[in-house]
N, C-alpha and C. Protein backbone atom coordinates (compact mmCIF):
# COMPACT_ATOMS: atom_id res chain seq x y z
N MET A 1 76.07 41.51 -27.43
CA MET A 1 74.75 41.21 -27.96
C MET A 1 74.23 42.45 -28.70
N THR A 2 73.73 42.25 -29.93
CA THR A 2 73.22 43.37 -30.72
C THR A 2 71.78 43.69 -30.32
N VAL A 3 71.29 44.85 -30.73
CA VAL A 3 69.90 45.24 -30.46
C VAL A 3 68.94 44.21 -31.07
N LYS A 4 69.25 43.77 -32.27
CA LYS A 4 68.41 42.76 -32.93
C LYS A 4 68.36 41.46 -32.11
N GLU A 5 69.49 41.04 -31.58
CA GLU A 5 69.54 39.84 -30.75
C GLU A 5 68.76 40.03 -29.44
N ILE A 6 68.84 41.22 -28.87
CA ILE A 6 68.09 41.52 -27.64
C ILE A 6 66.59 41.47 -27.90
N ILE A 7 66.16 42.07 -29.01
CA ILE A 7 64.74 42.05 -29.38
C ILE A 7 64.28 40.62 -29.63
N LYS A 8 65.07 39.85 -30.37
CA LYS A 8 64.72 38.47 -30.67
C LYS A 8 64.57 37.66 -29.39
N LYS A 9 65.50 37.80 -28.47
CA LYS A 9 65.44 37.08 -27.19
C LYS A 9 64.19 37.47 -26.42
N HIS A 10 63.87 38.75 -26.38
CA HIS A 10 62.67 39.22 -25.67
C HIS A 10 61.40 38.60 -26.29
N LEU A 11 61.34 38.59 -27.61
CA LEU A 11 60.17 38.03 -28.29
C LEU A 11 60.01 36.55 -27.95
N ILE A 12 61.09 35.79 -28.06
CA ILE A 12 61.05 34.35 -27.78
C ILE A 12 60.70 34.10 -26.31
N ASP A 13 61.38 34.80 -25.39
CA ASP A 13 61.16 34.59 -23.96
C ASP A 13 59.72 34.90 -23.53
N ASN A 14 59.04 35.76 -24.29
CA ASN A 14 57.69 36.18 -23.91
C ASN A 14 56.60 35.61 -24.82
N GLY A 15 56.96 34.67 -25.69
CA GLY A 15 55.98 33.96 -26.49
C GLY A 15 55.43 34.70 -27.70
N TYR A 16 56.10 35.75 -28.13
CA TYR A 16 55.66 36.50 -29.32
C TYR A 16 56.16 35.81 -30.60
N ASP A 17 55.47 36.11 -31.71
CA ASP A 17 55.85 35.55 -33.01
C ASP A 17 56.70 36.50 -33.85
N GLY A 18 56.65 37.79 -33.55
CA GLY A 18 57.40 38.77 -34.34
C GLY A 18 57.05 40.18 -33.93
N LEU A 19 57.26 41.11 -34.86
CA LEU A 19 56.96 42.53 -34.64
C LEU A 19 55.93 42.99 -35.65
N TYR A 20 55.12 43.97 -35.25
CA TYR A 20 54.20 44.62 -36.19
C TYR A 20 54.29 46.12 -35.99
N ASP A 21 53.98 46.86 -37.04
CA ASP A 21 53.97 48.33 -36.99
C ASP A 21 52.53 48.77 -36.75
N SER A 22 52.28 49.42 -35.65
CA SER A 22 50.92 49.79 -35.26
C SER A 22 50.27 50.78 -36.21
N GLN A 23 51.04 51.46 -37.05
CA GLN A 23 50.47 52.43 -37.98
C GLN A 23 50.35 51.90 -39.40
N GLN A 24 51.05 50.83 -39.73
CA GLN A 24 51.03 50.33 -41.10
C GLN A 24 50.25 49.03 -41.27
N GLY A 25 49.80 48.43 -40.19
CA GLY A 25 49.01 47.20 -40.28
C GLY A 25 49.77 46.09 -41.00
N CYS A 26 49.06 45.39 -41.89
CA CYS A 26 49.65 44.25 -42.60
C CYS A 26 50.79 44.64 -43.54
N ASP A 27 50.94 45.91 -43.81
CA ASP A 27 52.01 46.33 -44.72
C ASP A 27 53.38 46.25 -44.07
N CYS A 28 53.44 46.09 -42.76
CA CYS A 28 54.75 46.05 -42.10
C CYS A 28 54.70 45.16 -40.87
N GLY A 29 55.39 44.05 -40.97
CA GLY A 29 55.49 43.12 -39.86
C GLY A 29 56.56 42.10 -40.18
N CYS A 30 57.14 41.49 -39.18
CA CYS A 30 58.18 40.50 -39.44
C CYS A 30 58.12 39.40 -38.38
N MET A 31 58.39 38.20 -38.84
CA MET A 31 58.45 37.04 -37.95
C MET A 31 59.83 36.97 -37.31
N ILE A 32 59.95 36.24 -36.22
CA ILE A 32 61.21 36.11 -35.49
C ILE A 32 62.34 35.61 -36.39
N ASP A 33 62.04 34.64 -37.27
CA ASP A 33 63.11 34.08 -38.09
C ASP A 33 63.52 34.98 -39.26
N ASP A 34 62.83 36.09 -39.47
CA ASP A 34 63.23 37.09 -40.47
C ASP A 34 63.05 38.47 -39.84
N LEU A 35 63.65 38.63 -38.69
CA LEU A 35 63.43 39.82 -37.87
C LEU A 35 64.12 41.05 -38.43
N ILE A 36 63.38 42.13 -38.51
CA ILE A 36 63.87 43.45 -38.92
C ILE A 36 64.60 43.39 -40.27
N PRO A 37 63.91 42.96 -41.35
CA PRO A 37 64.55 42.94 -42.66
C PRO A 37 64.64 44.34 -43.28
N CYS A 38 64.02 45.31 -42.62
CA CYS A 38 64.01 46.70 -43.11
C CYS A 38 65.25 47.43 -42.60
N ASP A 39 65.23 48.75 -42.68
CA ASP A 39 66.35 49.57 -42.21
C ASP A 39 66.48 49.56 -40.70
N GLY A 40 65.47 49.12 -40.01
CA GLY A 40 65.52 49.08 -38.56
C GLY A 40 64.13 49.26 -38.00
N PRO A 41 63.90 48.85 -36.76
CA PRO A 41 62.56 49.02 -36.20
C PRO A 41 62.22 50.49 -36.02
N SER A 42 60.95 50.81 -36.23
CA SER A 42 60.50 52.19 -36.01
C SER A 42 59.97 52.33 -34.59
N ASP A 43 59.60 53.54 -34.25
CA ASP A 43 59.00 53.78 -32.93
C ASP A 43 57.61 53.16 -32.82
N HIS A 44 57.07 52.67 -33.96
CA HIS A 44 55.73 52.10 -33.99
C HIS A 44 55.75 50.58 -34.02
N CYS A 45 56.92 49.95 -33.89
CA CYS A 45 57.04 48.49 -33.88
C CYS A 45 56.77 47.96 -32.47
N TYR A 46 55.91 46.94 -32.43
CA TYR A 46 55.54 46.33 -31.16
C TYR A 46 55.59 44.82 -31.29
N PRO A 47 55.79 44.10 -30.18
CA PRO A 47 55.73 42.65 -30.22
C PRO A 47 54.31 42.21 -30.59
N GLY A 48 54.22 41.13 -31.34
CA GLY A 48 52.90 40.67 -31.74
C GLY A 48 52.86 39.18 -32.04
N TYR A 49 51.69 38.76 -32.48
CA TYR A 49 51.41 37.35 -32.73
C TYR A 49 50.99 37.13 -34.18
N LYS A 50 51.29 35.96 -34.70
CA LYS A 50 50.95 35.62 -36.07
C LYS A 50 49.44 35.50 -36.24
N ILE A 51 48.93 36.06 -37.34
CA ILE A 51 47.53 35.96 -37.71
C ILE A 51 47.51 35.44 -39.14
N ASP A 52 46.81 34.35 -39.39
CA ASP A 52 46.68 33.87 -40.76
C ASP A 52 45.81 34.88 -41.52
N CYS A 53 46.30 35.32 -42.68
CA CYS A 53 45.56 36.32 -43.46
C CYS A 53 44.23 35.76 -43.92
N ASP A 54 43.22 36.59 -43.88
CA ASP A 54 41.89 36.13 -44.22
C ASP A 54 41.42 36.56 -45.60
N HIS A 55 41.90 37.66 -46.13
CA HIS A 55 41.44 38.05 -47.45
C HIS A 55 42.31 39.09 -48.14
N HIS A 56 42.41 40.30 -47.64
CA HIS A 56 43.04 41.38 -48.38
C HIS A 56 44.56 41.29 -48.49
N CYS A 57 45.19 40.40 -47.77
CA CYS A 57 46.64 40.24 -47.88
C CYS A 57 47.02 39.36 -49.07
N ASP A 58 46.05 38.60 -49.57
CA ASP A 58 46.32 37.64 -50.64
C ASP A 58 46.92 38.30 -51.89
N ASP A 59 46.43 39.49 -52.25
CA ASP A 59 46.92 40.16 -53.46
C ASP A 59 48.36 40.63 -53.32
N ARG A 60 48.88 40.64 -52.11
CA ARG A 60 50.27 41.01 -51.87
C ARG A 60 51.16 39.79 -51.64
N GLY A 61 50.57 38.61 -51.76
CA GLY A 61 51.35 37.38 -51.59
C GLY A 61 51.67 37.05 -50.15
N LEU A 62 50.98 37.66 -49.22
CA LEU A 62 51.23 37.40 -47.80
C LEU A 62 50.38 36.24 -47.32
N THR A 63 50.93 35.43 -46.46
CA THR A 63 50.18 34.32 -45.87
C THR A 63 49.81 34.61 -44.42
N HIS A 64 50.37 35.66 -43.87
CA HIS A 64 50.08 36.01 -42.49
C HIS A 64 50.37 37.48 -42.23
N CYS A 65 49.83 37.96 -41.13
CA CYS A 65 50.12 39.28 -40.59
C CYS A 65 50.61 39.07 -39.16
N ILE A 66 51.10 40.12 -38.57
CA ILE A 66 51.44 40.11 -37.16
C ILE A 66 50.54 41.15 -36.50
N GLY A 67 49.92 40.79 -35.40
CA GLY A 67 49.00 41.70 -34.72
C GLY A 67 49.20 41.70 -33.22
N PRO A 68 48.47 42.57 -32.54
CA PRO A 68 48.69 42.78 -31.11
C PRO A 68 48.12 41.74 -30.17
N GLU A 69 47.15 40.94 -30.62
CA GLU A 69 46.48 40.03 -29.70
C GLU A 69 46.67 38.57 -30.08
N LYS A 70 47.02 37.76 -29.12
CA LYS A 70 47.15 36.31 -29.35
C LYS A 70 45.76 35.74 -29.64
N GLY A 71 45.69 34.88 -30.63
CA GLY A 71 44.42 34.28 -30.99
C GLY A 71 43.57 35.14 -31.91
N GLN A 72 44.09 36.27 -32.33
CA GLN A 72 43.36 37.15 -33.24
C GLN A 72 43.09 36.39 -34.54
N THR A 73 41.91 36.51 -35.09
CA THR A 73 41.55 35.74 -36.27
C THR A 73 41.37 36.59 -37.52
N LYS A 74 41.46 37.91 -37.38
CA LYS A 74 41.34 38.78 -38.54
C LYS A 74 42.61 39.61 -38.69
N CYS A 75 42.92 39.96 -39.92
CA CYS A 75 44.09 40.79 -40.18
C CYS A 75 43.99 42.11 -39.44
N VAL A 76 45.12 42.68 -39.14
CA VAL A 76 45.21 43.93 -38.37
C VAL A 76 44.38 45.03 -39.01
N GLU A 77 44.35 45.10 -40.33
CA GLU A 77 43.64 46.18 -41.01
C GLU A 77 42.13 46.09 -40.83
N ASP A 78 41.62 44.96 -40.34
CA ASP A 78 40.20 44.82 -40.08
C ASP A 78 39.81 45.37 -38.71
N ASP A 79 40.79 45.62 -37.87
CA ASP A 79 40.50 46.10 -36.51
C ASP A 79 40.42 47.61 -36.48
N ASP A 80 39.46 48.14 -35.76
CA ASP A 80 39.31 49.59 -35.63
C ASP A 80 40.57 50.21 -35.04
N GLY A 81 41.01 51.29 -35.62
CA GLY A 81 42.13 52.04 -35.09
C GLY A 81 43.48 51.58 -35.59
N LEU A 82 43.56 50.49 -36.34
CA LEU A 82 44.85 50.02 -36.80
C LEU A 82 44.97 50.04 -38.32
N SER A 83 43.95 50.51 -39.00
CA SER A 83 44.04 50.52 -40.47
C SER A 83 44.52 51.86 -40.96
């Protein structure tokens, strides 16, 4: 089993939607079905939940972000300490 497969299994088993980078906000996140499309997870990647983008992600063509709290209704960059 690869590291990517282990991470994917953990996310699914625990009800997460993907990963988000706690320092980059909406600029870096991935859903389970497109997990780790970058060079690899950083030390700042954490399990998270899908958030439908509310405004500032639109200019980047994003339809969602991944954030730390289930049921979150605002993009990560709107939360204090994560922008």
